[in-house]
Amino acid sequence: MSSTTQHARGVIIAPVWTEKSAAQIEDNHYTFRVADAAHKTQVKQAVEEIWGVRVTAVRIINVRPKPKRRGIFRGHRPGFKKAVVTLAPGDKITLLEGMI
């Protein structure tokens, strides 16, 4: 069982904490940064396994790299993949509830 839990923790990297994601928690939508190779089924299984909740929907968003400049030096912030997970009515993730 520990090997599947380790795999699930490799899919979900961290929660995304913004004003928009905090407002969506009231509607049972939770936002997570996920591994670049993760797909909807893996994200659903990982969330259900880690927190023991029922997931009804998963939306995946690829966030593009953002260009940045510091004087004459140009670069960019790295892009990443995030997932918005909708939970079944009555289910909650208590880890994020204390942050509101």
C-alpha atoms as a PDB file:
ATOM      1  CA  MET A   1       0.000   0.000   0.000  1.00  0.00           C
ATOM      2  CA  SER A   2       2.849   2.393   0.679  1.00  0.00           C
ATOM      3  CA  SER A   3       4.053   2.177  -2.920  1.00  0.00           C
ATOM      4  CA  THR A   4       0.687   3.397  -4.261  1.00  0.00           C
ATOM      5  CA  THR A   5       0.557   6.159  -1.657  1.00  0.00           C
ATOM      6  CA  GLN A   6       4.044   7.244  -2.686  1.00  0.00           C
ATOM      7  CA  HIS A   7       2.902   7.302  -6.326  1.00  0.00           C
ATOM      8  CA  ALA A   8      -0.173   9.362  -5.382  1.00  0.00           C
ATOM      9  CA  ARG A   9       2.011  11.865  -3.550  1.00  0.00           C
ATOM     10  CA  GLY A  10       4.161  12.120  -6.682  1.00  0.00           C
ATOM     11  CA  VAL A  11       1.129  13.132  -8.760  1.00  0.00           C
ATOM     12  CA  ILE A  12      -0.125  15.862  -6.381  1.00  0.00           C
ATOM     13  CA  ILE A  13       2.733  18.302  -5.792  1.00  0.00           C
ATOM     14  CA  ALA A  14       1.161  21.125  -3.760  1.00  0.00           C
ATOM     15  CA  PRO A  15      -2.063  23.086  -3.299  1.00  0.00           C
ATOM     16  CA  VAL A  16      -2.404  26.293  -5.300  1.00  0.00           C
ATOM     17  CA  TRP A  17      -3.338  29.103  -2.943  1.00  0.00           C
ATOM     18  CA  THR A  18      -4.733  32.219  -4.661  1.00  0.00           C
ATOM     19  CA  GLU A  19      -7.755  34.433  -4.097  1.00  0.00           C
ATOM     20  CA  LYS A  20      -9.650  32.624  -6.822  1.00  0.00           C
ATOM     21  CA  SER A  21      -8.821  29.138  -5.511  1.00  0.00           C
ATOM     22  CA  ALA A  22      -9.756  30.182  -1.962  1.00  0.00           C
ATOM     23  CA  ALA A  23     -13.144  31.407  -3.171  1.00  0.00           C
ATOM     24  CA  GLN A  24     -13.744  28.173  -5.073  1.00  0.00           C
ATOM     25  CA  ILE A  25     -13.322  26.039  -1.940  1.00  0.00           C
ATOM     26  CA  GLU A  26     -16.827  27.089  -0.853  1.00  0.00           C
ATOM     27  CA  ASP A  27     -18.127  25.375  -4.025  1.00  0.00           C
ATOM     28  CA  ASN A  28     -16.072  22.196  -3.341  1.00  0.00           C
ATOM     29  CA  HIS A  29     -13.468  23.034  -6.021  1.00  0.00           C
ATOM     30  CA  TYR A  30      -9.868  22.467  -4.897  1.00  0.00           C
ATOM     31  CA  THR A  31      -6.821  23.491  -6.944  1.00  0.00           C
ATOM     32  CA  PHE A  32      -3.544  21.557  -6.930  1.00  0.00           C
ATOM     33  CA  ARG A  33      -0.240  21.771  -8.753  1.00  0.00           C
ATOM     34  CA  VAL A  34       0.315  18.369 -10.350  1.00  0.00           C
ATOM     35  CA  ALA A  35       3.121  16.520 -12.122  1.00  0.00           C
ATOM     36  CA  ASP A  36       3.654  17.465 -15.759  1.00  0.00           C
ATOM     37  CA  ALA A  37       2.923  13.919 -16.966  1.00  0.00           C
ATOM     38  CA  ALA A  38      -0.240  13.499 -14.854  1.00  0.00           C
ATOM     39  CA  HIS A  39      -3.631  13.086 -16.485  1.00  0.00           C
ATOM     40  CA  LYS A  40      -7.202  13.351 -15.168  1.00  0.00           C
ATOM     41  CA  THR A  41      -7.539   9.733 -14.095  1.00  0.00           C
ATOM     42  CA  GLN A  42      -4.269   9.795 -12.137  1.00  0.00           C
ATOM     43  CA  VAL A  43      -5.227  13.050 -10.396  1.00  0.00           C
ATOM     44  CA  LYS A  44      -8.658  11.668  -9.459  1.00  0.00           C
ATOM     45  CA  GLN A  45      -7.178   8.443  -8.057  1.00  0.00           C
ATOM     46  CA  ALA A  46      -4.466  10.328  -6.146  1.00  0.00           C
ATOM     47  CA  VAL A  47      -6.896  12.749  -4.463  1.00  0.00           C
ATOM     48  CA  GLU A  48      -9.282   9.926  -3.546  1.00  0.00           C
ATOM     49  CA  GLU A  49      -6.426   7.850  -2.126  1.00  0.00           C
ATOM     50  CA  ILE A  50      -4.681  10.593  -0.138  1.00  0.00           C
ATOM     51  CA  TRP A  51      -7.718  12.289   1.435  1.00  0.00           C
ATOM     52  CA  GLY A  52     -10.376   9.566   1.206  1.00  0.00           C
ATOM     53  CA  VAL A  53     -12.956  11.721  -0.609  1.00  0.00           C
ATOM     54  CA  ARG A  54     -15.097  11.172  -3.718  1.00  0.00           C
ATOM     55  CA  VAL A  55     -14.077  13.188  -6.795  1.00  0.00           C
ATOM     56  CA  THR A  56     -16.808  14.067  -9.308  1.00  0.00           C
ATOM     57  CA  ALA A  57     -14.782  16.077 -11.857  1.00  0.00           C
ATOM     58  CA  VAL A  58     -11.193  17.033 -12.723  1.00  0.00           C
ATOM     59  CA  ARG A  59     -10.085  19.878 -14.979  1.00  0.00           C
ATOM     60  CA  ILE A  60      -6.457  20.145 -16.089  1.00  0.00           C
ATOM     61  CA  ILE A  61      -4.829  23.478 -16.982  1.00  0.00           C
ATOM     62  CA  ASN A  62      -1.356  23.946 -18.492  1.00  0.00           C
ATOM     63  CA  VAL A  63       0.025  27.253 -17.206  1.00  0.00           C
ATOM     64  CA  ARG A  64       2.407  28.705 -19.771  1.00  0.00           C
ATOM     65  CA  PRO A  65       5.845  30.082 -18.898  1.00  0.00           C
ATOM     66  CA  LYS A  66       5.741  33.780 -18.107  1.00  0.00           C
ATOM     67  CA  PRO A  67       8.417  36.038 -19.656  1.00  0.00           C
ATOM     68  CA  LYS A  68      10.363  38.196 -17.206  1.00  0.00           C
ATOM     69  CA  ARG A  69      13.014  40.868 -17.585  1.00  0.00           C
ATOM     70  CA  ARG A  70      15.524  42.349 -15.186  1.00  0.00           C
ATOM     71  CA  GLY A  71      17.281  45.198 -16.968  1.00  0.00           C
ATOM     72  CA  ILE A  72      18.795  43.820 -20.147  1.00  0.00           C
ATOM     73  CA  PHE A  73      18.602  40.204 -18.987  1.00  0.00           C
ATOM     74  CA  ARG A  74      15.654  38.242 -20.293  1.00  0.00           C
ATOM     75  CA  GLY A  75      14.273  34.991 -19.042  1.00  0.00           C
ATOM     76  CA  HIS A  76      11.040  33.341 -18.083  1.00  0.00           C
ATOM     77  CA  ARG A  77       9.352  31.704 -15.141  1.00  0.00           C
ATOM     78  CA  PRO A  78       8.776  28.011 -15.649  1.00  0.00           C
ATOM     79  CA  GLY A  79       5.360  26.773 -16.705  1.00  0.00           C
ATOM     80  CA  PHE A  80       3.484  24.112 -14.756  1.00  0.00           C
ATOM     81  CA  LYS A  81       0.356  21.996 -14.788  1.00  0.00           C
ATOM     82  CA  LYS A  82      -2.496  22.454 -12.320  1.00  0.00           C
ATOM     83  CA  ALA A  83      -5.747  20.628 -11.706  1.00  0.00           C
ATOM     84  CA  VAL A  84      -9.089  21.865 -10.383  1.00  0.00           C
ATOM     85  CA  VAL A  85     -10.796  18.992  -8.556  1.00  0.00           C
ATOM     86  CA  THR A  86     -14.526  18.999  -7.766  1.00  0.00           C
ATOM     87  CA  LEU A  87     -15.565  16.908  -4.770  1.00  0.00           C
ATOM     88  CA  ALA A  88     -18.897  15.236  -4.138  1.00  0.00           C
ATOM     89  CA  PRO A  89     -21.360  17.180  -1.937  1.00  0.00           C
ATOM     90  CA  GLY A  90     -20.541  16.670   1.727  1.00  0.00           C
ATOM     91  CA  ASP A  91     -16.859  15.822   1.169  1.00  0.00           C
ATOM     92  CA  LYS A  92     -14.115  18.228   2.238  1.00  0.00           C
ATOM     93  CA  ILE A  93     -10.329  18.288   2.362  1.00  0.00           C
ATOM     94  CA  THR A  94      -9.481  19.380   5.884  1.00  0.00           C
ATOM     95  CA  LEU A  95      -5.839  20.193   5.081  1.00  0.00           C
ATOM     96  CA  LEU A  96      -6.884  23.293   3.130  1.00  0.00           C
ATOM     97  CA  GLU A  97      -9.842  24.329   5.297  1.00  0.00           C
ATOM     98  CA  GLY A  98      -7.630  25.932   7.962  1.00  0.00           C
ATOM     99  CA  MET A  99      -6.058  28.313   5.444  1.00  0.00           C
ATOM    100  CA  ILE A 100      -9.236  30.315   4.780  1.00  0.00           C
END
